[in-house]
Amino acid sequence: MRSMRYRLELEDGDEGYLIYNAETDWNGMPKPENLQRPSIRVKNVPFCGKVVADIASCVSIGDFYEVEPEFDGTPERFLHDTFKANHVRILHGELPEWVLSVVRIDRGGVTMAFFYRETGQEETVYVNWTNRLEMLFEVDRADSSGVDTYLVKLSAEGPDYEDRRYLKVTEQDAYGKREIVFTQWIGAEKAHPPGDGWVYAYVTEYR
């Protein structure tokens, strides 16, 4: 067993940290495998025996199909409205025709990309900054050898949760554990002046 700490430098505009059910990139999704493979599962994680913040109450649904008038009255708009009305059940995995294929994590927060298996229509779910939200993402390995887990802790303080933001991912796989902190308690704007173009992720590995 060993541990090692280091800092990663992330270029501005980078796709961030992606959790996916099949290999892809943010701008290239979905690949056929993303629609075919099992969905990423997302769960609330209790803190001291209770759920402090429920994921379902801390998300916003992307409004692309609402603000673009060419989708009014189309099947895409109908499917979007159906997703929005049933997003809590979809988050709980109760409607398997929707697959959570990709989760993006960066200094801006957590974004989930759901796809309708039949057509590949994307619905984007943004996790709002809040005080002490803990969630677990579970991904079945492609070789069916087990499950990889990603514990995400997100917290923010101050008016409108704009201050003291903190985001950590703890990934657990067959080889060990790795903790990645994307923002610091002192605030991203203080750690990295606006316009510097670079941010950092602080990593601790356990093997």
Protein backbone atom coordinates (compact mmCIF):
# COMPACT_ATOMS: atom_id res chain seq x y z
CA MET A 1 0.00 0.00 0.00
CA ARG A 2 1.30 3.46 -0.85
CA SER A 3 0.02 7.00 -1.32
CA MET A 4 1.20 9.88 -3.47
CA ARG A 5 0.07 13.49 -3.80
CA TYR A 6 0.48 15.74 -6.81
CA ARG A 7 -1.11 18.61 -8.71
CA LEU A 8 -2.50 18.48 -12.25
CA GLU A 9 -2.64 21.59 -14.38
CA LEU A 10 -5.84 21.86 -16.43
CA GLU A 11 -5.98 24.05 -19.49
CA ASP A 12 -8.86 26.48 -19.80
CA GLY A 13 -11.54 24.98 -22.06
CA ASP A 14 -10.59 21.39 -21.24
CA GLU A 15 -13.47 18.90 -21.17
CA GLY A 16 -12.82 18.22 -17.51
CA TYR A 17 -13.12 14.89 -15.73
CA LEU A 18 -15.50 12.52 -17.54
CA ILE A 19 -17.23 9.47 -16.09
CA TYR A 20 -18.81 7.42 -18.90
CA ASN A 21 -20.47 4.07 -19.48
CA ALA A 22 -18.54 3.65 -22.76
CA GLU A 23 -15.50 5.55 -23.99
CA THR A 24 -16.35 8.88 -25.59
CA ASP A 25 -15.64 12.59 -25.38
CA TRP A 26 -18.02 15.39 -24.44
CA ASN A 27 -18.38 16.82 -27.94
CA GLY A 28 -18.52 13.40 -29.61
CA MET A 29 -21.25 11.78 -27.52
CA PRO A 30 -23.24 9.68 -27.80
CA LYS A 31 -21.40 6.81 -29.40
CA PRO A 32 -23.52 3.72 -30.19
CA GLU A 33 -22.02 1.98 -27.14
CA ASN A 34 -23.24 4.80 -24.88
CA LEU A 35 -26.82 4.03 -25.88
CA GLN A 36 -26.43 0.25 -25.61
CA ARG A 37 -24.54 -0.22 -22.37
CA PRO A 38 -26.08 -0.09 -18.87
CA SER A 39 -26.76 3.34 -17.48
CA ILE A 40 -24.50 4.98 -14.92
CA ARG A 41 -26.33 4.78 -11.60
CA VAL A 42 -26.49 7.79 -9.28
CA LYS A 43 -27.37 7.58 -5.59
CA ASN A 44 -27.61 9.86 -2.57
CA VAL A 45 -24.95 9.25 0.08
CA PRO A 46 -25.97 9.77 3.74
CA PHE A 47 -23.87 11.97 6.02
CA CYS A 48 -23.99 10.94 9.70
CA GLY A 49 -26.89 8.64 8.95
CA LYS A 50 -29.08 11.00 6.90
CA VAL A 51 -29.21 12.58 3.48
CA VAL A 52 -28.41 16.27 3.94
CA ALA A 53 -29.21 17.30 0.36
CA ASP A 54 -31.21 15.16 -2.08
CA ILE A 55 -29.85 15.08 -5.64
CA ALA A 56 -33.33 15.29 -7.15
CA SER A 57 -33.95 18.64 -5.43
CA CYS A 58 -30.55 20.06 -6.41
CA VAL A 59 -30.67 19.84 -10.21
CA SER A 60 -31.72 22.01 -13.14
CA ILE A 61 -32.75 20.69 -16.55
CA GLY A 62 -31.16 22.16 -19.69
CA ASP A 63 -33.64 24.29 -21.64
CA PHE A 64 -32.21 23.94 -25.17
CA TYR A 65 -35.45 22.54 -26.61
CA GLU A 66 -37.46 25.28 -24.89
CA VAL A 67 -35.50 28.36 -26.00
CA GLU A 68 -35.00 27.27 -29.62
CA PRO A 69 -38.35 28.00 -31.35
CA GLU A 70 -37.81 25.49 -34.17
CA PHE A 71 -38.51 22.70 -31.66
CA ASP A 72 -41.98 23.96 -30.74
CA GLY A 73 -44.50 21.20 -31.43
CA THR A 74 -41.87 18.70 -32.53
CA PRO A 75 -41.27 15.16 -31.20
CA GLU A 76 -37.99 16.44 -29.72
CA ARG A 77 -39.82 19.07 -27.68
CA PHE A 78 -42.42 16.53 -26.55
CA LEU A 79 -39.67 14.14 -25.45
CA HIS A 80 -37.90 16.99 -23.62
CA ASP A 81 -41.10 17.91 -21.76
CA THR A 82 -41.59 14.25 -20.86
CA PHE A 83 -38.02 14.05 -19.53
CA LYS A 84 -38.47 17.21 -17.49
CA ALA A 85 -41.72 16.00 -15.97
CA ASN A 86 -40.20 12.63 -15.05
CA HIS A 87 -36.61 13.59 -14.25
CA VAL A 88 -36.81 12.40 -10.63
CA ARG A 89 -37.87 8.90 -11.71
CA ILE A 90 -35.17 8.96 -14.41
CA LEU A 91 -32.52 9.91 -11.84
CA HIS A 92 -33.66 6.93 -9.79
CA GLY A 93 -33.27 4.63 -12.81
CA GLU A 94 -36.98 3.83 -13.04
CA LEU A 95 -37.30 4.62 -16.78
CA PRO A 96 -34.66 2.47 -18.52
CA GLU A 97 -35.33 4.01 -21.95
CA TRP A 98 -33.19 6.91 -20.65
CA VAL A 99 -29.50 6.17 -20.10
CA LEU A 100 -27.08 8.28 -18.07
CA SER A 101 -24.02 7.91 -20.29
CA VAL A 102 -21.63 10.71 -19.29
CA VAL A 103 -20.96 12.80 -16.18
CA ARG A 104 -18.68 15.82 -16.52
CA ILE A 105 -16.94 17.27 -13.48
CA ASP A 106 -14.85 20.44 -13.53
CA ARG A 107 -14.44 23.70 -11.65
CA GLY A 108 -17.90 24.73 -12.87
CA GLY A 109 -19.58 21.81 -11.11
CA VAL A 110 -21.25 18.56 -12.15
CA THR A 111 -23.19 18.00 -15.38
CA MET A 112 -25.02 14.80 -16.32
CA ALA A 113 -25.83 13.84 -19.93
CA PHE A 114 -28.84 11.55 -20.40
CA PHE A 115 -29.79 10.04 -23.76
CA TYR A 116 -32.99 8.53 -25.09
CA ARG A 117 -31.87 5.08 -26.20
CA GLU A 118 -34.06 4.92 -29.31
CA THR A 119 -33.12 8.26 -30.92
CA GLY A 120 -30.02 9.46 -29.02
CA GLN A 121 -31.70 12.72 -27.98
CA GLU A 122 -29.66 14.37 -25.24
CA GLU A 123 -31.00 15.92 -22.07
CA THR A 124 -28.58 17.83 -19.87
CA VAL A 125 -28.94 17.91 -16.09
CA TYR A 126 -26.93 20.44 -14.08
CA VAL A 127 -26.21 19.83 -10.40
CA ASN A 128 -26.68 23.12 -8.55
CA TRP A 129 -24.12 24.25 -6.01
CA THR A 130 -25.50 23.64 -2.54
CA ASN A 131 -24.33 22.93 0.99
CA ARG A 132 -23.00 19.39 1.45
CA LEU A 133 -24.31 17.29 -1.39
CA GLU A 134 -22.82 13.81 -1.59
CA MET A 135 -23.62 11.44 -4.44
CA LEU A 136 -22.28 8.14 -5.72
CA PHE A 137 -21.94 7.21 -9.38
CA GLU A 138 -21.63 3.49 -10.19
CA VAL A 139 -20.36 2.23 -13.56
CA ASP A 140 -20.36 -1.38 -14.70
CA ARG A 141 -16.98 -2.34 -16.15
CA ALA A 142 -16.93 -3.17 -19.84
CA ASP A 143 -15.46 -6.62 -19.15
CA SER A 144 -18.22 -7.39 -16.60
CA SER A 145 -15.59 -7.90 -13.88
CA GLY A 146 -17.28 -5.57 -11.39
CA VAL A 147 -18.30 -1.99 -10.68
CA ASP A 148 -16.22 1.19 -10.43
CA THR A 149 -17.51 3.85 -8.05
CA TYR A 150 -17.10 7.62 -7.95
CA LEU A 151 -18.06 9.44 -4.76
CA VAL A 152 -18.65 13.13 -5.44
CA LYS A 153 -18.74 15.68 -2.63
CA LEU A 154 -19.92 19.14 -3.55
CA SER A 155 -20.32 22.07 -1.18
CA ALA A 156 -20.61 25.85 -1.31
CA GLU A 157 -21.33 28.67 1.10
CA GLY A 158 -22.28 32.33 1.01
CA PRO A 159 -25.08 34.23 -0.76
CA ASP A 160 -26.41 32.16 -3.67
CA TYR A 161 -23.66 29.63 -2.91
CA GLU A 162 -21.09 31.69 -4.80
CA ASP A 163 -18.35 31.56 -2.13
CA ARG A 164 -16.07 28.86 -0.77
CA ARG A 165 -16.83 26.22 -3.36
CA TYR A 166 -15.41 22.73 -2.89
CA LEU A 167 -15.65 19.73 -5.19
CA LYS A 168 -13.97 16.36 -4.62
CA VAL A 169 -14.16 13.06 -6.45
CA THR A 170 -13.07 9.80 -4.82
CA GLU A 171 -12.74 7.09 -7.43
CA GLN A 172 -12.52 3.42 -6.44
CA ASP A 173 -11.61 0.71 -8.91
CA ALA A 174 -9.90 -2.69 -8.97
CA TYR A 175 -6.48 -1.10 -8.44
CA GLY A 176 -7.09 1.26 -5.53
CA LYS A 177 -8.44 4.68 -4.68
CA ARG A 178 -7.79 8.21 -5.92
CA GLU A 179 -9.04 11.52 -4.51
CA ILE A 180 -9.26 14.55 -6.78
CA VAL A 181 -10.07 18.06 -5.52
CA PHE A 182 -11.14 20.43 -8.31
CA THR A 183 -11.70 23.62 -6.34
CA GLN A 184 -10.34 24.92 -3.08
CA TRP A 185 -12.10 26.33 -0.06
CA ILE A 186 -10.42 29.68 -0.62
CA GLY A 187 -12.43 30.05 -3.85
CA ALA A 188 -11.36 29.52 -7.43
CA GLU A 189 -11.33 33.24 -8.20
CA LYS A 190 -8.81 33.87 -5.39
CA ALA A 191 -6.62 30.87 -6.16
CA HIS A 192 -6.55 31.63 -9.87
CA PRO A 193 -7.00 35.26 -10.97
CA PRO A 194 -9.49 35.79 -13.82
CA GLY A 195 -7.90 35.43 -17.24
CA ASP A 196 -4.93 33.32 -16.21
CA GLY A 197 -6.33 30.48 -18.33
CA TRP A 198 -5.26 27.62 -16.06
CA VAL A 199 -6.73 25.80 -13.07
CA TYR A 200 -5.54 22.85 -11.04
CA ALA A 201 -6.75 19.53 -9.70
CA TYR A 202 -5.11 18.23 -6.52
CA VAL A 203 -4.75 14.46 -6.49
CA THR A 204 -4.00 11.89 -3.78
CA GLU A 205 -3.51 8.30 -4.93
CA TYR A 206 -3.74 5.20 -2.74
CA ARG A 207 -2.45 1.94 -4.22
